[in-house]
N, C-alpha and C. Protein backbone atom coordinates (compact mmCIF):
# COMPACT_ATOMS: atom_id res chain seq x y z
N MET A 1 -24.97 -6.13 -3.11
CA MET A 1 -23.60 -5.70 -3.39
C MET A 1 -23.53 -4.19 -3.20
N SER A 2 -22.48 -3.74 -2.57
CA SER A 2 -22.29 -2.32 -2.30
C SER A 2 -20.98 -1.86 -2.93
N LEU A 3 -20.99 -1.70 -4.25
CA LEU A 3 -19.78 -1.35 -4.99
C LEU A 3 -19.50 0.14 -4.86
N CYS A 4 -18.29 0.46 -4.43
CA CYS A 4 -17.84 1.85 -4.33
C CYS A 4 -16.73 2.06 -5.35
N THR A 5 -16.74 3.20 -6.00
CA THR A 5 -15.67 3.55 -6.92
C THR A 5 -14.84 4.65 -6.30
N PHE A 6 -13.57 4.41 -6.11
CA PHE A 6 -12.65 5.40 -5.57
C PHE A 6 -11.90 6.02 -6.74
N LYS A 7 -11.58 7.30 -6.63
CA LYS A 7 -10.92 8.00 -7.73
C LYS A 7 -9.69 8.74 -7.24
N ALA A 8 -8.73 8.87 -8.12
CA ALA A 8 -7.51 9.63 -7.84
C ALA A 8 -6.98 10.19 -9.14
N THR A 9 -6.25 11.28 -9.04
CA THR A 9 -5.57 11.88 -10.18
C THR A 9 -4.11 12.09 -9.79
N VAL A 10 -3.21 11.70 -10.67
CA VAL A 10 -1.78 11.89 -10.42
C VAL A 10 -1.22 12.71 -11.57
N ARG A 11 -0.51 13.78 -11.21
CA ARG A 11 0.02 14.71 -12.21
C ARG A 11 1.52 14.87 -12.06
N LYS A 12 2.22 14.86 -13.20
CA LYS A 12 3.67 15.07 -13.22
C LYS A 12 3.98 16.50 -12.77
N LYS A 13 4.97 16.62 -11.93
CA LYS A 13 5.51 17.93 -11.54
C LYS A 13 6.87 18.06 -12.21
N GLU A 14 7.89 18.50 -11.50
CA GLU A 14 9.22 18.63 -12.09
C GLU A 14 10.02 17.34 -11.90
N GLY A 15 10.84 17.02 -12.91
CA GLY A 15 11.67 15.81 -12.86
C GLY A 15 10.80 14.57 -12.75
N LEU A 16 11.10 13.73 -11.78
CA LEU A 16 10.31 12.52 -11.55
C LEU A 16 9.27 12.72 -10.45
N LYS A 17 9.19 13.89 -9.90
CA LYS A 17 8.24 14.20 -8.83
C LYS A 17 6.82 14.25 -9.40
N VAL A 18 5.89 13.62 -8.68
CA VAL A 18 4.48 13.64 -9.07
C VAL A 18 3.63 13.99 -7.86
N GLU A 19 2.42 14.49 -8.12
CA GLU A 19 1.48 14.81 -7.04
C GLU A 19 0.20 14.04 -7.28
N GLY A 20 -0.21 13.29 -6.29
CA GLY A 20 -1.47 12.56 -6.36
C GLY A 20 -2.52 13.27 -5.52
N GLU A 21 -3.76 13.18 -5.98
CA GLU A 21 -4.86 13.84 -5.27
C GLU A 21 -6.08 12.94 -5.28
N SER A 22 -6.73 12.83 -4.14
CA SER A 22 -7.98 12.10 -4.02
C SER A 22 -8.79 12.72 -2.89
N ARG A 23 -10.04 13.04 -3.16
CA ARG A 23 -10.94 13.64 -2.18
C ARG A 23 -10.37 14.90 -1.53
N GLY A 24 -9.54 15.64 -2.26
CA GLY A 24 -8.96 16.87 -1.73
C GLY A 24 -7.67 16.67 -0.95
N PHE A 25 -7.25 15.44 -0.76
CA PHE A 25 -5.99 15.15 -0.08
C PHE A 25 -4.90 14.98 -1.12
N LYS A 26 -3.70 15.44 -0.79
CA LYS A 26 -2.59 15.37 -1.74
C LYS A 26 -1.41 14.62 -1.14
N VAL A 27 -0.66 13.99 -2.04
CA VAL A 27 0.56 13.28 -1.64
C VAL A 27 1.59 13.48 -2.75
N ILE A 28 2.84 13.64 -2.34
CA ILE A 28 3.96 13.80 -3.28
C ILE A 28 4.71 12.48 -3.36
N ALA A 29 5.01 12.07 -4.58
CA ALA A 29 5.86 10.89 -4.79
C ALA A 29 7.05 11.33 -5.62
N ASP A 30 8.19 10.73 -5.36
CA ASP A 30 9.42 11.02 -6.08
C ASP A 30 10.29 9.77 -5.97
N GLU A 31 11.38 9.79 -6.64
CA GLU A 31 12.35 8.70 -6.55
C GLU A 31 13.56 9.19 -5.77
N PRO A 32 14.28 8.28 -5.12
CA PRO A 32 15.53 8.69 -4.50
C PRO A 32 16.52 9.16 -5.56
N GLU A 33 17.51 9.91 -5.17
CA GLU A 33 18.50 10.41 -6.12
C GLU A 33 19.19 9.27 -6.87
N SER A 34 19.38 8.14 -6.19
CA SER A 34 20.05 7.00 -6.83
C SER A 34 19.25 6.43 -8.01
N LEU A 35 17.94 6.75 -8.08
CA LEU A 35 17.11 6.28 -9.19
C LEU A 35 16.66 7.44 -10.08
N GLY A 36 17.34 8.59 -9.97
CA GLY A 36 17.07 9.70 -10.87
C GLY A 36 16.13 10.77 -10.35
N GLY A 37 15.66 10.63 -9.13
CA GLY A 37 14.74 11.62 -8.56
C GLY A 37 15.45 12.66 -7.72
N THR A 38 14.65 13.44 -7.01
CA THR A 38 15.20 14.48 -6.14
C THR A 38 14.93 14.17 -4.66
N ASN A 39 14.39 13.00 -4.37
CA ASN A 39 14.18 12.53 -3.01
C ASN A 39 13.28 13.46 -2.19
N THR A 40 12.20 13.96 -2.81
CA THR A 40 11.28 14.86 -2.09
C THR A 40 10.06 14.12 -1.56
N GLY A 41 10.00 12.83 -1.76
CA GLY A 41 8.88 12.04 -1.25
C GLY A 41 9.18 10.57 -1.42
N MET A 42 8.32 9.75 -0.84
CA MET A 42 8.45 8.30 -1.03
C MET A 42 8.26 7.98 -2.49
N ASN A 43 8.86 6.88 -2.93
CA ASN A 43 8.57 6.45 -4.30
C ASN A 43 7.31 5.58 -4.28
N PRO A 44 6.71 5.32 -5.44
CA PRO A 44 5.45 4.59 -5.46
C PRO A 44 5.49 3.21 -4.80
N VAL A 45 6.60 2.49 -4.91
CA VAL A 45 6.63 1.16 -4.29
C VAL A 45 6.73 1.26 -2.77
N GLU A 46 7.35 2.33 -2.27
CA GLU A 46 7.34 2.58 -0.82
C GLU A 46 5.93 2.96 -0.37
N MET A 47 5.25 3.76 -1.21
CA MET A 47 3.86 4.11 -0.89
C MET A 47 2.97 2.87 -0.87
N LEU A 48 3.26 1.92 -1.75
CA LEU A 48 2.49 0.69 -1.77
C LEU A 48 2.64 -0.06 -0.44
N LEU A 49 3.87 -0.12 0.08
CA LEU A 49 4.07 -0.75 1.39
C LEU A 49 3.29 0.00 2.46
N CYS A 50 3.35 1.33 2.42
CA CYS A 50 2.60 2.12 3.41
C CYS A 50 1.10 1.94 3.25
N SER A 51 0.64 1.82 2.01
CA SER A 51 -0.78 1.59 1.76
C SER A 51 -1.23 0.26 2.36
N LEU A 52 -0.44 -0.77 2.17
CA LEU A 52 -0.76 -2.07 2.75
C LEU A 52 -0.78 -1.99 4.27
N GLY A 53 0.26 -1.40 4.85
CA GLY A 53 0.32 -1.29 6.31
C GLY A 53 -0.80 -0.42 6.88
N ALA A 54 -1.14 0.66 6.18
CA ALA A 54 -2.23 1.52 6.63
C ALA A 54 -3.55 0.76 6.60
N CYS A 55 -3.77 0.01 5.53
CA CYS A 55 -5.00 -0.76 5.41
C CYS A 55 -5.10 -1.82 6.51
N GLN A 56 -4.02 -2.52 6.76
CA GLN A 56 -4.01 -3.54 7.81
C GLN A 56 -4.28 -2.90 9.18
N THR A 57 -3.70 -1.74 9.41
CA THR A 57 -3.88 -1.06 10.69
C THR A 57 -5.32 -0.57 10.85
N ILE A 58 -5.90 -0.05 9.77
CA ILE A 58 -7.30 0.40 9.82
C ILE A 58 -8.24 -0.77 10.06
N VAL A 59 -7.98 -1.90 9.42
CA VAL A 59 -8.80 -3.09 9.66
C VAL A 59 -8.69 -3.50 11.13
N ALA A 60 -7.48 -3.51 11.67
CA ALA A 60 -7.29 -3.86 13.08
C ALA A 60 -8.08 -2.93 13.99
N ALA A 61 -7.96 -1.63 13.75
CA ALA A 61 -8.67 -0.65 14.59
C ALA A 61 -10.18 -0.75 14.42
N SER A 62 -10.64 -1.09 13.21
CA SER A 62 -12.07 -1.17 12.94
C SER A 62 -12.74 -2.37 13.62
N PHE A 63 -12.02 -3.48 13.75
CA PHE A 63 -12.65 -4.71 14.22
C PHE A 63 -12.14 -5.21 15.57
N ALA A 64 -11.18 -4.53 16.17
CA ALA A 64 -10.62 -5.00 17.44
C ALA A 64 -11.69 -5.15 18.53
N LYS A 65 -12.49 -4.13 18.71
CA LYS A 65 -13.51 -4.18 19.78
C LYS A 65 -14.51 -5.29 19.54
N LYS A 66 -14.91 -5.49 18.29
CA LYS A 66 -15.87 -6.55 17.96
C LYS A 66 -15.32 -7.92 18.36
N LEU A 67 -14.00 -8.09 18.25
CA LEU A 67 -13.37 -9.37 18.61
C LEU A 67 -12.82 -9.36 20.04
N ARG A 68 -13.24 -8.36 20.78
CA ARG A 68 -12.85 -8.22 22.20
C ARG A 68 -11.33 -8.15 22.37
N VAL A 69 -10.72 -7.31 21.52
CA VAL A 69 -9.29 -7.05 21.63
C VAL A 69 -9.12 -5.57 21.94
N GLU A 70 -8.49 -5.30 23.06
CA GLU A 70 -8.18 -3.92 23.43
C GLU A 70 -6.78 -3.62 22.91
N LEU A 71 -6.71 -2.75 21.92
CA LEU A 71 -5.42 -2.41 21.32
C LEU A 71 -4.83 -1.21 22.06
N GLU A 72 -3.76 -1.45 22.80
CA GLU A 72 -3.03 -0.34 23.41
C GLU A 72 -2.15 0.32 22.35
N ASP A 73 -1.61 -0.50 21.44
CA ASP A 73 -0.80 0.01 20.34
C ASP A 73 -0.79 -1.05 19.24
N PHE A 74 -0.64 -0.59 18.01
CA PHE A 74 -0.60 -1.49 16.87
C PHE A 74 0.19 -0.80 15.78
N TRP A 75 1.16 -1.50 15.21
CA TRP A 75 1.87 -0.98 14.04
C TRP A 75 2.37 -2.15 13.22
N VAL A 76 2.73 -1.83 11.97
CA VAL A 76 3.17 -2.86 11.03
C VAL A 76 4.51 -2.44 10.46
N ASP A 77 5.48 -3.32 10.49
CA ASP A 77 6.74 -3.15 9.77
C ASP A 77 6.63 -3.95 8.48
N LEU A 78 6.98 -3.31 7.37
CA LEU A 78 6.86 -3.96 6.06
C LEU A 78 8.15 -3.80 5.28
N GLU A 79 8.46 -4.78 4.44
CA GLU A 79 9.57 -4.67 3.51
C GLU A 79 9.26 -5.52 2.29
N GLY A 80 9.77 -5.07 1.16
CA GLY A 80 9.51 -5.79 -0.08
C GLY A 80 10.77 -5.90 -0.91
N ASP A 81 10.85 -6.97 -1.68
CA ASP A 81 12.00 -7.21 -2.55
C ASP A 81 11.63 -6.86 -3.98
N LEU A 82 12.41 -5.97 -4.59
CA LEU A 82 12.15 -5.51 -5.95
C LEU A 82 13.48 -5.38 -6.67
N ASP A 83 13.57 -6.01 -7.82
CA ASP A 83 14.79 -5.93 -8.63
C ASP A 83 14.63 -4.75 -9.59
N THR A 84 15.37 -3.66 -9.37
CA THR A 84 15.23 -2.45 -10.18
C THR A 84 15.64 -2.66 -11.64
N ASP A 85 16.31 -3.78 -11.95
CA ASP A 85 16.65 -4.06 -13.35
C ASP A 85 15.39 -4.21 -14.20
N GLY A 86 14.30 -4.68 -13.60
CA GLY A 86 13.04 -4.80 -14.34
C GLY A 86 12.49 -3.44 -14.72
N PHE A 87 12.51 -2.50 -13.80
CA PHE A 87 12.05 -1.13 -14.08
C PHE A 87 12.94 -0.44 -15.10
N MET A 88 14.25 -0.64 -14.97
CA MET A 88 15.20 0.01 -15.86
C MET A 88 15.28 -0.67 -17.23
N GLY A 89 14.69 -1.86 -17.37
CA GLY A 89 14.67 -2.55 -18.66
C GLY A 89 15.99 -3.20 -19.02
N VAL A 90 16.84 -3.46 -18.03
CA VAL A 90 18.14 -4.07 -18.33
C VAL A 90 18.11 -5.59 -18.20
N SER A 91 16.97 -6.14 -17.78
CA SER A 91 16.82 -7.60 -17.75
C SER A 91 15.33 -7.92 -17.88
N ASP A 92 15.03 -9.20 -18.04
CA ASP A 92 13.64 -9.63 -18.19
C ASP A 92 12.95 -9.88 -16.85
N VAL A 93 13.60 -9.56 -15.75
CA VAL A 93 12.98 -9.76 -14.44
C VAL A 93 11.76 -8.84 -14.35
N ARG A 94 10.74 -9.28 -13.66
CA ARG A 94 9.53 -8.45 -13.55
C ARG A 94 9.84 -7.17 -12.78
N PRO A 95 9.16 -6.07 -13.12
CA PRO A 95 9.48 -4.78 -12.50
C PRO A 95 8.88 -4.58 -11.11
N GLY A 96 7.97 -5.45 -10.70
CA GLY A 96 7.29 -5.26 -9.41
C GLY A 96 7.93 -6.07 -8.30
N TYR A 97 7.33 -5.94 -7.12
CA TYR A 97 7.79 -6.71 -5.97
C TYR A 97 7.69 -8.20 -6.24
N SER A 98 8.70 -8.93 -5.84
CA SER A 98 8.64 -10.39 -5.91
C SER A 98 8.17 -10.97 -4.58
N ASN A 99 8.31 -10.18 -3.52
CA ASN A 99 7.91 -10.65 -2.19
C ASN A 99 7.70 -9.44 -1.28
N ILE A 100 6.66 -9.49 -0.48
CA ILE A 100 6.42 -8.47 0.56
C ILE A 100 6.25 -9.20 1.88
N ARG A 101 6.97 -8.74 2.88
CA ARG A 101 6.88 -9.31 4.22
C ARG A 101 6.36 -8.23 5.17
N PHE A 102 5.55 -8.64 6.14
CA PHE A 102 5.08 -7.70 7.15
C PHE A 102 5.05 -8.37 8.51
N ASN A 103 5.20 -7.55 9.52
CA ASN A 103 5.20 -8.02 10.89
C ASN A 103 4.28 -7.12 11.70
N PHE A 104 3.22 -7.70 12.26
CA PHE A 104 2.31 -6.95 13.13
C PHE A 104 2.91 -6.84 14.52
N HIS A 105 2.85 -5.66 15.09
CA HIS A 105 3.23 -5.43 16.48
C HIS A 105 1.95 -5.06 17.23
N ILE A 106 1.56 -5.90 18.16
CA ILE A 106 0.29 -5.70 18.86
C ILE A 106 0.57 -5.62 20.35
N LYS A 107 0.22 -4.48 20.95
CA LYS A 107 0.32 -4.33 22.39
C LYS A 107 -1.08 -4.43 22.95
N SER A 108 -1.34 -5.51 23.69
CA SER A 108 -2.68 -5.77 24.20
C SER A 108 -2.62 -6.75 25.36
N ASN A 109 -3.49 -6.57 26.32
CA ASN A 109 -3.63 -7.52 27.41
C ASN A 109 -4.78 -8.49 27.16
N SER A 110 -5.35 -8.44 25.98
CA SER A 110 -6.48 -9.31 25.62
C SER A 110 -5.99 -10.75 25.46
N PRO A 111 -6.92 -11.72 25.56
CA PRO A 111 -6.53 -13.13 25.40
C PRO A 111 -5.90 -13.39 24.03
N GLU A 112 -4.89 -14.25 24.02
CA GLU A 112 -4.17 -14.57 22.79
C GLU A 112 -5.11 -15.11 21.71
N LYS A 113 -6.12 -15.87 22.10
CA LYS A 113 -7.09 -16.41 21.15
C LYS A 113 -7.78 -15.28 20.40
N ASN A 114 -8.17 -14.24 21.09
CA ASN A 114 -8.85 -13.10 20.47
C ASN A 114 -7.90 -12.36 19.52
N ILE A 115 -6.65 -12.22 19.94
CA ILE A 115 -5.66 -11.53 19.11
C ILE A 115 -5.41 -12.32 17.83
N LYS A 116 -5.32 -13.64 17.93
CA LYS A 116 -5.13 -14.47 16.74
C LYS A 116 -6.32 -14.35 15.79
N GLU A 117 -7.54 -14.26 16.34
CA GLU A 117 -8.73 -14.07 15.50
C GLU A 117 -8.66 -12.73 14.79
N LEU A 118 -8.16 -11.71 15.47
CA LEU A 118 -8.03 -10.39 14.85
C LEU A 118 -7.02 -10.44 13.71
N VAL A 119 -5.89 -11.10 13.92
CA VAL A 119 -4.88 -11.22 12.87
C VAL A 119 -5.45 -11.95 11.65
N GLU A 120 -6.20 -13.02 11.88
CA GLU A 120 -6.83 -13.75 10.78
C GLU A 120 -7.81 -12.85 10.02
N LEU A 121 -8.56 -12.04 10.75
CA LEU A 121 -9.52 -11.14 10.12
C LEU A 121 -8.80 -10.07 9.31
N ILE A 122 -7.70 -9.55 9.83
CA ILE A 122 -6.92 -8.54 9.08
C ILE A 122 -6.47 -9.13 7.75
N GLU A 123 -5.92 -10.33 7.79
CA GLU A 123 -5.41 -10.96 6.58
C GLU A 123 -6.53 -11.31 5.61
N LYS A 124 -7.74 -11.55 6.11
CA LYS A 124 -8.88 -11.90 5.27
C LYS A 124 -9.57 -10.66 4.69
N ARG A 125 -9.66 -9.56 5.46
CA ARG A 125 -10.50 -8.43 5.08
C ARG A 125 -9.77 -7.21 4.53
N CYS A 126 -8.45 -7.18 4.57
CA CYS A 126 -7.71 -6.00 4.12
C CYS A 126 -7.83 -5.86 2.59
N PRO A 127 -8.51 -4.81 2.09
CA PRO A 127 -8.66 -4.65 0.64
C PRO A 127 -7.34 -4.50 -0.11
N VAL A 128 -6.38 -3.82 0.46
CA VAL A 128 -5.09 -3.65 -0.22
C VAL A 128 -4.36 -4.99 -0.26
N GLY A 129 -4.36 -5.72 0.83
CA GLY A 129 -3.74 -7.04 0.85
C GLY A 129 -4.39 -7.97 -0.15
N ASP A 130 -5.72 -7.93 -0.23
CA ASP A 130 -6.43 -8.77 -1.18
C ASP A 130 -6.07 -8.39 -2.62
N THR A 131 -5.97 -7.09 -2.89
CA THR A 131 -5.62 -6.62 -4.23
C THR A 131 -4.23 -7.08 -4.62
N LEU A 132 -3.29 -7.05 -3.68
CA LEU A 132 -1.92 -7.48 -3.97
C LEU A 132 -1.82 -9.00 -4.13
N ALA A 133 -2.60 -9.73 -3.35
CA ALA A 133 -2.50 -11.19 -3.36
C ALA A 133 -3.23 -11.83 -4.53
N ASN A 134 -4.16 -11.10 -5.14
CA ASN A 134 -4.97 -11.65 -6.22
C ASN A 134 -4.86 -10.76 -7.45
N LEU A 135 -5.10 -11.35 -8.58
CA LEU A 135 -5.04 -10.57 -9.81
C LEU A 135 -6.16 -9.55 -9.84
N VAL A 136 -5.84 -8.36 -10.28
CA VAL A 136 -6.83 -7.32 -10.47
C VAL A 136 -6.70 -6.86 -11.92
N LYS A 137 -7.81 -6.60 -12.55
CA LYS A 137 -7.79 -6.19 -13.95
C LYS A 137 -7.42 -4.71 -14.02
N LEU A 138 -6.34 -4.39 -14.73
CA LEU A 138 -5.94 -3.01 -14.97
C LEU A 138 -6.46 -2.62 -16.35
N GLU A 139 -7.22 -1.55 -16.39
CA GLU A 139 -7.81 -1.12 -17.64
C GLU A 139 -7.32 0.28 -18.01
N ASN A 140 -6.82 0.42 -19.23
CA ASN A 140 -6.50 1.75 -19.77
C ASN A 140 -7.74 2.13 -20.56
N ALA A 141 -8.65 2.84 -19.92
CA ALA A 141 -9.94 3.12 -20.53
C ALA A 141 -9.89 4.12 -21.65
N LYS A 142 -8.97 5.10 -21.56
CA LYS A 142 -8.99 6.18 -22.53
C LYS A 142 -7.66 6.91 -22.49
N ILE A 143 -7.19 7.37 -23.62
CA ILE A 143 -6.00 8.20 -23.71
C ILE A 143 -6.43 9.53 -24.28
N THR A 144 -6.12 10.61 -23.58
CA THR A 144 -6.43 11.95 -24.06
C THR A 144 -5.13 12.66 -24.37
N ILE A 145 -4.98 13.12 -25.60
CA ILE A 145 -3.78 13.85 -26.00
C ILE A 145 -4.16 15.32 -26.10
N GLU A 146 -3.48 16.14 -25.32
CA GLU A 146 -3.74 17.58 -25.33
C GLU A 146 -2.57 18.30 -25.96
N LYS A 147 -2.87 19.31 -26.76
CA LYS A 147 -1.80 20.10 -27.41
C LYS A 147 -1.90 21.54 -27.01
């Protein structure tokens, strides 16, 4: 087993704007004005869609040659359904996505059989897709109160 632990830190900035950092890379998240933010970045659920699409694309690029698929271009369109009443606490609907849809766009002259094998591998090996499709244990390990 080759267990890797990935780490990130997310810190509140002004308003609803937050800054995430991992391995020296930074990303800004915010909410659109309609949800109380200042619209200076994607919101976390949009980032989740991008994370899934990025992971699927990386898996495709990582394994295409092994499956004899020459990728001239590859991209993913994603969309998810989320009822904001759950986040706002105005109903008992769950606050997360109820459904995520994605569409792979593959430009390749490789045999269709090879492309289908690549798509199956993407759906099987994508860590973000696996995390979303299966339960993952969320642990609040420690709370630190600073004054």
